[in-house]
Amino acid sequence: MNHSLDGNVEFIEGRTFIVGREGHIYINDKSVSRKHAEIKLIDGEIRMRDLDSSNGTYVVKENRVVQFKEAILKPEHTVVFGQKAYTVKSLLAIIGIFTAYPDNTGRRTTSEL
């Protein structure tokens, strides 16, 4: 199920979004767990945590694919769930919240407060 948000920073701060076959960020692939990972926006940082998924959650870092349990990510990072890869920005765009991070850093700017 996709949620459409208006990009309001105050509304999304601290909210948890589930990535998976039964998540807010829906991924239709059998290699992805029903509730594969979660994304939270805390203090202007994009945080992701694997939810004990069957195939793990990975980030592409310095041309290497690295598995992680929890990480602070930037919008341009590529994240891999099962056999599917997405940028963090594209995942957030699915739920309509990337507009809260216009400077592409994953951090809020003071002008948005």
C-alpha atoms as a PDB file:
ATOM      1  CA  MET A   1       0.000   0.000   0.000  1.00  0.00           C
ATOM      2  CA  ASN A   2       1.434   3.365  -0.994  1.00  0.00           C
ATOM      3  CA  HIS A   3       0.889   6.469   1.113  1.00  0.00           C
ATOM      4  CA  SER A   4       0.890   9.873  -0.480  1.00  0.00           C
ATOM      5  CA  LEU A   5       2.359  12.577   1.719  1.00  0.00           C
ATOM      6  CA  ASP A   6       2.703  16.266   0.943  1.00  0.00           C
ATOM      7  CA  GLY A   7       6.438  16.535   1.737  1.00  0.00           C
ATOM      8  CA  ASN A   8       5.862  18.366   5.028  1.00  0.00           C
ATOM      9  CA  VAL A   9       8.976  17.715   7.151  1.00  0.00           C
ATOM     10  CA  GLU A  10       7.118  17.965  10.460  1.00  0.00           C
ATOM     11  CA  PHE A  11       4.609  15.334   9.324  1.00  0.00           C
ATOM     12  CA  ILE A  12       7.199  12.757   8.271  1.00  0.00           C
ATOM     13  CA  GLU A  13       9.863  13.233  10.960  1.00  0.00           C
ATOM     14  CA  GLY A  14      10.061  10.089  13.089  1.00  0.00           C
ATOM     15  CA  ARG A  15       7.527   8.162  11.022  1.00  0.00           C
ATOM     16  CA  THR A  16       8.385   4.569  10.066  1.00  0.00           C
ATOM     17  CA  PHE A  17       7.802   3.197   6.567  1.00  0.00           C
ATOM     18  CA  ILE A  18       8.028  -0.531   5.806  1.00  0.00           C
ATOM     19  CA  VAL A  19       9.678  -1.751   2.599  1.00  0.00           C
ATOM     20  CA  GLY A  20       8.540  -5.135   1.300  1.00  0.00           C
ATOM     21  CA  ARG A  21       5.823  -7.195  -0.358  1.00  0.00           C
ATOM     22  CA  GLU A  22       3.385  -5.969   2.316  1.00  0.00           C
ATOM     23  CA  GLY A  23       4.865  -2.564   3.056  1.00  0.00           C
ATOM     24  CA  HIS A  24       4.198   1.126   2.582  1.00  0.00           C
ATOM     25  CA  ILE A  25       6.910   0.919  -0.077  1.00  0.00           C
ATOM     26  CA  TYR A  26       5.635  -2.063  -2.046  1.00  0.00           C
ATOM     27  CA  ILE A  27       8.129  -4.281  -3.888  1.00  0.00           C
ATOM     28  CA  ASN A  28       6.523  -7.067  -5.893  1.00  0.00           C
ATOM     29  CA  ASP A  29       9.270  -9.692  -5.923  1.00  0.00           C
ATOM     30  CA  LYS A  30       9.442 -13.094  -4.196  1.00  0.00           C
ATOM     31  CA  SER A  31      13.097 -12.479  -3.244  1.00  0.00           C
ATOM     32  CA  VAL A  32      11.878  -9.621  -1.038  1.00  0.00           C
ATOM     33  CA  SER A  33      10.369 -10.434   2.369  1.00  0.00           C
ATOM     34  CA  ARG A  34       6.855  -9.298   3.245  1.00  0.00           C
ATOM     35  CA  LYS A  35       8.316  -6.826   5.749  1.00  0.00           C
ATOM     36  CA  HIS A  36      11.887  -6.601   4.523  1.00  0.00           C
ATOM     37  CA  ALA A  37      13.213  -3.331   5.968  1.00  0.00           C
ATOM     38  CA  GLU A  38      12.098  -0.065   7.522  1.00  0.00           C
ATOM     39  CA  ILE A  39      12.979   3.526   6.762  1.00  0.00           C
ATOM     40  CA  LYS A  40      12.775   6.247   9.393  1.00  0.00           C
ATOM     41  CA  LEU A  41      13.568   9.921   9.130  1.00  0.00           C
ATOM     42  CA  ILE A  42      15.145  11.016  12.418  1.00  0.00           C
ATOM     43  CA  ASP A  43      16.808  14.392  13.030  1.00  0.00           C
ATOM     44  CA  GLY A  44      16.929  14.936   9.272  1.00  0.00           C
ATOM     45  CA  GLU A  45      18.765  11.649   8.630  1.00  0.00           C
ATOM     46  CA  ILE A  46      17.479   8.759   6.551  1.00  0.00           C
ATOM     47  CA  ARG A  47      17.866   5.592   8.626  1.00  0.00           C
ATOM     48  CA  MET A  48      17.202   2.080   7.361  1.00  0.00           C
ATOM     49  CA  ARG A  49      17.021  -1.174   9.310  1.00  0.00           C
ATOM     50  CA  ASP A  50      16.714  -4.730   8.011  1.00  0.00           C
ATOM     51  CA  LEU A  51      13.755  -6.517   9.617  1.00  0.00           C
ATOM     52  CA  ASP A  52      15.397  -9.968   9.734  1.00  0.00           C
ATOM     53  CA  SER A  53      14.593 -10.466   6.065  1.00  0.00           C
ATOM     54  CA  SER A  54      15.269 -13.784   4.359  1.00  0.00           C
ATOM     55  CA  ASN A  55      17.746 -12.404   1.809  1.00  0.00           C
ATOM     56  CA  GLY A  56      19.214  -9.447   3.714  1.00  0.00           C
ATOM     57  CA  THR A  57      19.489  -5.749   2.964  1.00  0.00           C
ATOM     58  CA  TYR A  58      22.560  -4.329   1.225  1.00  0.00           C
ATOM     59  CA  VAL A  59      23.957  -0.958   0.238  1.00  0.00           C
ATOM     60  CA  VAL A  60      26.315  -0.267  -2.669  1.00  0.00           C
ATOM     61  CA  LYS A  61      29.292   1.548  -1.179  1.00  0.00           C
ATOM     62  CA  GLU A  62      32.532   2.290  -3.034  1.00  0.00           C
ATOM     63  CA  ASN A  63      31.521  -0.146  -5.812  1.00  0.00           C
ATOM     64  CA  ARG A  64      30.982  -2.960  -3.277  1.00  0.00           C
ATOM     65  CA  VAL A  65      27.708  -4.466  -2.110  1.00  0.00           C
ATOM     66  CA  VAL A  66      27.736  -4.473   1.706  1.00  0.00           C
ATOM     67  CA  GLN A  67      25.129  -6.135   3.907  1.00  0.00           C
ATOM     68  CA  PHE A  68      23.865  -4.149   6.872  1.00  0.00           C
ATOM     69  CA  LYS A  69      21.443  -4.461   9.764  1.00  0.00           C
ATOM     70  CA  GLU A  70      21.119  -0.685  10.357  1.00  0.00           C
ATOM     71  CA  ALA A  71      22.560   2.257   8.455  1.00  0.00           C
ATOM     72  CA  ILE A  72      22.279   5.995   7.899  1.00  0.00           C
ATOM     73  CA  LEU A  73      21.905   6.496   4.173  1.00  0.00           C
ATOM     74  CA  LYS A  74      22.001   9.325   1.659  1.00  0.00           C
ATOM     75  CA  PRO A  75      19.450   9.762  -1.149  1.00  0.00           C
ATOM     76  CA  GLU A  76      21.966   8.718  -3.810  1.00  0.00           C
ATOM     77  CA  HIS A  77      22.853   5.399  -2.129  1.00  0.00           C
ATOM     78  CA  THR A  78      21.665   2.267  -3.906  1.00  0.00           C
ATOM     79  CA  VAL A  79      20.006  -0.288  -1.636  1.00  0.00           C
ATOM     80  CA  VAL A  80      19.458  -3.941  -2.580  1.00  0.00           C
ATOM     81  CA  PHE A  81      16.542  -6.034  -1.280  1.00  0.00           C
ATOM     82  CA  GLY A  82      16.656  -9.627  -2.495  1.00  0.00           C
ATOM     83  CA  GLN A  83      17.193  -9.275  -6.239  1.00  0.00           C
ATOM     84  CA  LYS A  84      15.888  -5.709  -6.515  1.00  0.00           C
ATOM     85  CA  ALA A  85      17.961  -2.506  -6.338  1.00  0.00           C
ATOM     86  CA  TYR A  86      16.685   1.033  -5.729  1.00  0.00           C
ATOM     87  CA  THR A  87      18.194   4.373  -4.840  1.00  0.00           C
ATOM     88  CA  VAL A  88      17.045   5.685  -1.472  1.00  0.00           C
ATOM     89  CA  LYS A  89      15.627   8.696  -3.318  1.00  0.00           C
ATOM     90  CA  SER A  90      13.456   6.469  -5.523  1.00  0.00           C
ATOM     91  CA  LEU A  91      12.157   4.555  -2.486  1.00  0.00           C
ATOM     92  CA  LEU A  92      11.190   7.793  -0.749  1.00  0.00           C
ATOM     93  CA  ALA A  93       9.600   9.090  -3.943  1.00  0.00           C
ATOM     94  CA  ILE A  94       7.200   6.108  -3.878  1.00  0.00           C
ATOM     95  CA  ILE A  95       5.666   7.491  -0.695  1.00  0.00           C
ATOM     96  CA  GLY A  96       5.994  11.096  -1.820  1.00  0.00           C
ATOM     97  CA  ILE A  97       8.398  12.394   0.809  1.00  0.00           C
ATOM     98  CA  PHE A  98      11.635  13.111  -0.991  1.00  0.00           C
ATOM     99  CA  THR A  99      10.479  16.652  -1.657  1.00  0.00           C
ATOM    100  CA  ALA A 100      11.318  17.377   2.001  1.00  0.00           C
ATOM    101  CA  TYR A 101      15.021  16.915   1.124  1.00  0.00           C
ATOM    102  CA  PRO A 102      15.589  19.271  -1.827  1.00  0.00           C
ATOM    103  CA  ASP A 103      19.333  19.672  -1.411  1.00  0.00           C
ATOM    104  CA  ASN A 104      19.959  15.950  -2.226  1.00  0.00           C
ATOM    105  CA  THR A 105      21.921  15.362   0.990  1.00  0.00           C
ATOM    106  CA  GLY A 106      19.262  13.515   2.937  1.00  0.00           C
ATOM    107  CA  ARG A 107      19.362  16.234   5.596  1.00  0.00           C
ATOM    108  CA  ARG A 108      16.835  18.977   6.157  1.00  0.00           C
ATOM    109  CA  THR A 109      17.915  22.492   5.429  1.00  0.00           C
ATOM    110  CA  THR A 110      17.334  25.200   8.005  1.00  0.00           C
ATOM    111  CA  SER A 111      15.080  27.071   5.610  1.00  0.00           C
ATOM    112  CA  GLU A 112      12.555  24.215   5.896  1.00  0.00           C
ATOM    113  CA  LEU A 113      12.203  24.446   9.690  1.00  0.00           C
END
